Amino acid sequence: MKIIYGPKGSGKTKAIIENATQALGYAKGHVVFITNTNRYTFDLNYQIRFLNTEDFDVEGMEGFRGFLKGIVAASGDNEYIFIDGIARITGKPLEELGNIFAAMEKLEKDYGVKFVLTVSAAKEDLPDFVLKYVE
């Protein structure tokens, strides 16, 4: 798992889009990009599977966790999953998302999928369950 962090407006979305585009060059499987807005649809390479959680009525932390499990279950070829704004998507503060991070860690271990996420926080404000993924 990789975390792209920083305060709002610090270029996290641009960085995660660049990371997703780079992943196309070395991924053997599919690259998926998840967010809750269509704003960046045209910034992504057409080969990246774009999913807007609003289109699937994903609500809350448990809904998002189930959504992620469904994406992994639907295709064993999904290799990279990029998530822009996990706290924004779930509607919960980052400190309350420990269960989702644990679920992603298990999905990575059990199915070989790799997650890259953006979080809006300074490094010193990241919870321990996030900080362990910061490079």
Protein backbone atom coordinates (compact mmCIF):
# COMPACT_ATOMS: atom_id res chain seq x y z
CA MET A 1 0.00 0.00 0.00
CA LYS A 2 1.23 3.46 -0.82
CA ILE A 3 -0.09 6.69 0.71
CA ILE A 4 0.10 10.08 -0.99
CA TYR A 5 -0.57 12.64 1.73
CA GLY A 6 -0.60 16.39 2.22
CA PRO A 7 -2.95 19.27 2.95
CA LYS A 8 -5.80 20.12 0.61
CA GLY A 9 -4.52 21.76 -2.56
CA SER A 10 -1.03 20.27 -2.33
CA GLY A 11 -1.21 18.30 -5.60
CA LYS A 12 -2.20 14.86 -4.30
CA THR A 13 -4.71 14.23 -7.10
CA LYS A 14 -2.20 15.18 -9.77
CA ALA A 15 0.34 12.85 -8.14
CA ILE A 16 -2.05 9.89 -7.95
CA ILE A 17 -3.08 10.37 -11.59
CA GLU A 18 0.62 10.36 -12.56
CA ASN A 19 1.15 7.21 -10.47
CA ALA A 20 -1.79 5.48 -12.18
CA THR A 21 -0.48 6.44 -15.61
CA GLN A 22 3.00 5.13 -14.74
CA ALA A 23 1.49 1.86 -13.49
CA LEU A 24 0.19 1.19 -17.00
CA GLY A 25 3.80 0.82 -18.11
CA TYR A 26 4.62 -2.06 -15.75
CA ALA A 27 1.30 -3.56 -14.63
CA LYS A 28 0.56 -7.02 -15.92
CA GLY A 29 -3.08 -6.64 -14.89
CA HIS A 30 -5.73 -3.93 -14.84
CA VAL A 31 -5.30 -0.46 -13.33
CA VAL A 32 -8.40 0.92 -11.57
CA PHE A 33 -8.96 4.52 -10.40
CA ILE A 34 -11.67 5.24 -7.82
CA THR A 35 -12.97 8.63 -6.72
CA ASN A 36 -16.32 10.29 -6.09
CA THR A 37 -16.32 12.88 -8.88
CA ASN A 38 -16.14 12.92 -12.67
CA ARG A 39 -13.80 15.92 -12.56
CA TYR A 40 -10.69 13.91 -13.49
CA THR A 41 -12.20 11.57 -16.08
CA PHE A 42 -10.37 13.19 -18.98
CA ASP A 43 -7.06 13.46 -17.09
CA LEU A 44 -6.75 9.68 -16.96
CA ASN A 45 -5.46 7.45 -19.73
CA TYR A 46 -8.33 5.61 -21.41
CA GLN A 47 -6.75 2.26 -20.41
CA ILE A 48 -7.31 3.02 -16.72
CA ARG A 49 -10.68 1.77 -15.45
CA PHE A 50 -12.38 4.82 -13.94
CA LEU A 51 -15.00 4.27 -11.22
CA ASN A 52 -17.00 7.07 -9.63
CA THR A 53 -18.47 5.83 -6.33
CA GLU A 54 -21.40 8.21 -6.79
CA ASP A 55 -22.45 6.20 -9.86
CA PHE A 56 -22.74 3.07 -7.69
CA ASP A 57 -24.48 4.67 -4.67
CA VAL A 58 -21.58 3.75 -2.39
CA GLU A 59 -22.36 5.14 1.06
CA GLY A 60 -20.26 5.19 4.19
CA MET A 61 -17.36 3.15 5.40
CA GLU A 62 -18.97 -0.29 5.20
CA GLY A 63 -20.39 0.44 1.76
CA PHE A 64 -16.98 1.44 0.47
CA ARG A 65 -15.28 -1.58 2.03
CA GLY A 66 -17.82 -3.84 0.30
CA PHE A 67 -17.29 -1.95 -2.95
CA LEU A 68 -13.54 -2.61 -2.79
CA LYS A 69 -14.09 -6.30 -2.07
CA GLY A 70 -16.47 -6.49 -5.02
CA ILE A 71 -13.91 -4.92 -7.36
CA VAL A 72 -11.29 -7.45 -6.31
CA ALA A 73 -13.75 -10.36 -6.50
CA ALA A 74 -15.07 -9.31 -9.92
CA SER A 75 -11.72 -9.63 -11.64
CA GLY A 76 -8.54 -11.37 -10.57
CA ASP A 77 -6.83 -9.24 -13.22
CA ASN A 78 -7.18 -6.02 -11.19
CA GLU A 79 -3.59 -5.36 -10.13
CA TYR A 80 -3.53 -1.70 -9.03
CA ILE A 81 -6.36 0.18 -7.36
CA PHE A 82 -5.87 3.93 -6.96
CA ILE A 83 -8.22 5.70 -4.54
CA ASP A 84 -8.39 9.49 -4.59
CA GLY A 85 -9.81 10.88 -1.34
CA ILE A 86 -10.75 7.89 0.81
CA ALA A 87 -12.02 10.06 3.68
CA ARG A 88 -14.08 12.17 1.28
CA ILE A 89 -15.56 9.07 -0.37
CA THR A 90 -16.53 7.44 2.94
CA GLY A 91 -17.65 10.67 4.60
CA LYS A 92 -15.63 9.75 7.68
CA PRO A 93 -12.54 11.28 9.26
CA LEU A 94 -9.31 9.47 8.50
CA GLU A 95 -8.92 8.39 12.15
CA GLU A 96 -12.07 6.25 11.84
CA LEU A 97 -10.96 4.32 8.74
CA GLY A 98 -8.81 1.67 10.43
CA ASN A 99 -11.17 -1.14 9.39
CA ILE A 100 -10.94 -0.18 5.72
CA PHE A 101 -7.15 -0.04 5.84
CA ALA A 102 -7.13 -3.47 7.50
CA ALA A 103 -9.43 -4.80 4.75
CA MET A 104 -7.18 -3.36 2.03
CA GLU A 105 -4.14 -4.89 3.70
CA LYS A 106 -5.88 -8.29 3.68
CA LEU A 107 -6.90 -7.89 0.02
CA GLU A 108 -3.31 -7.07 -0.88
CA LYS A 109 -2.03 -10.13 0.96
CA ASP A 110 -4.71 -12.59 -0.20
CA TYR A 111 -5.21 -11.43 -3.81
CA GLY A 112 -2.03 -9.58 -4.79
CA VAL A 113 -3.80 -6.30 -5.56
CA LYS A 114 -1.88 -3.11 -4.74
CA PHE A 115 -3.56 0.00 -3.33
CA VAL A 116 -2.42 3.61 -3.73
CA LEU A 117 -4.43 6.26 -1.85
CA THR A 118 -4.55 9.96 -1.23
CA VAL A 119 -5.27 11.35 2.22
CA SER A 120 -5.62 15.00 3.16
CA ALA A 121 -3.41 15.36 6.21
CA ALA A 122 0.07 16.42 7.22
CA LYS A 123 2.44 13.57 8.06
CA GLU A 124 2.35 14.35 11.77
CA ASP A 125 -1.47 14.08 11.74
CA LEU A 126 -1.61 10.63 10.12
CA PRO A 127 -2.92 7.80 12.34
CA ASP A 128 -0.47 4.94 13.00
CA PHE A 129 -2.44 2.55 10.76
CA VAL A 130 -1.78 4.95 7.84
CA LEU A 131 1.71 6.07 8.84
CA LYS A 132 3.09 2.57 8.49
CA TYR A 133 2.50 2.81 4.71
CA VAL A 134 4.20 6.18 4.24
CA GLU A 135 7.53 5.93 2.45
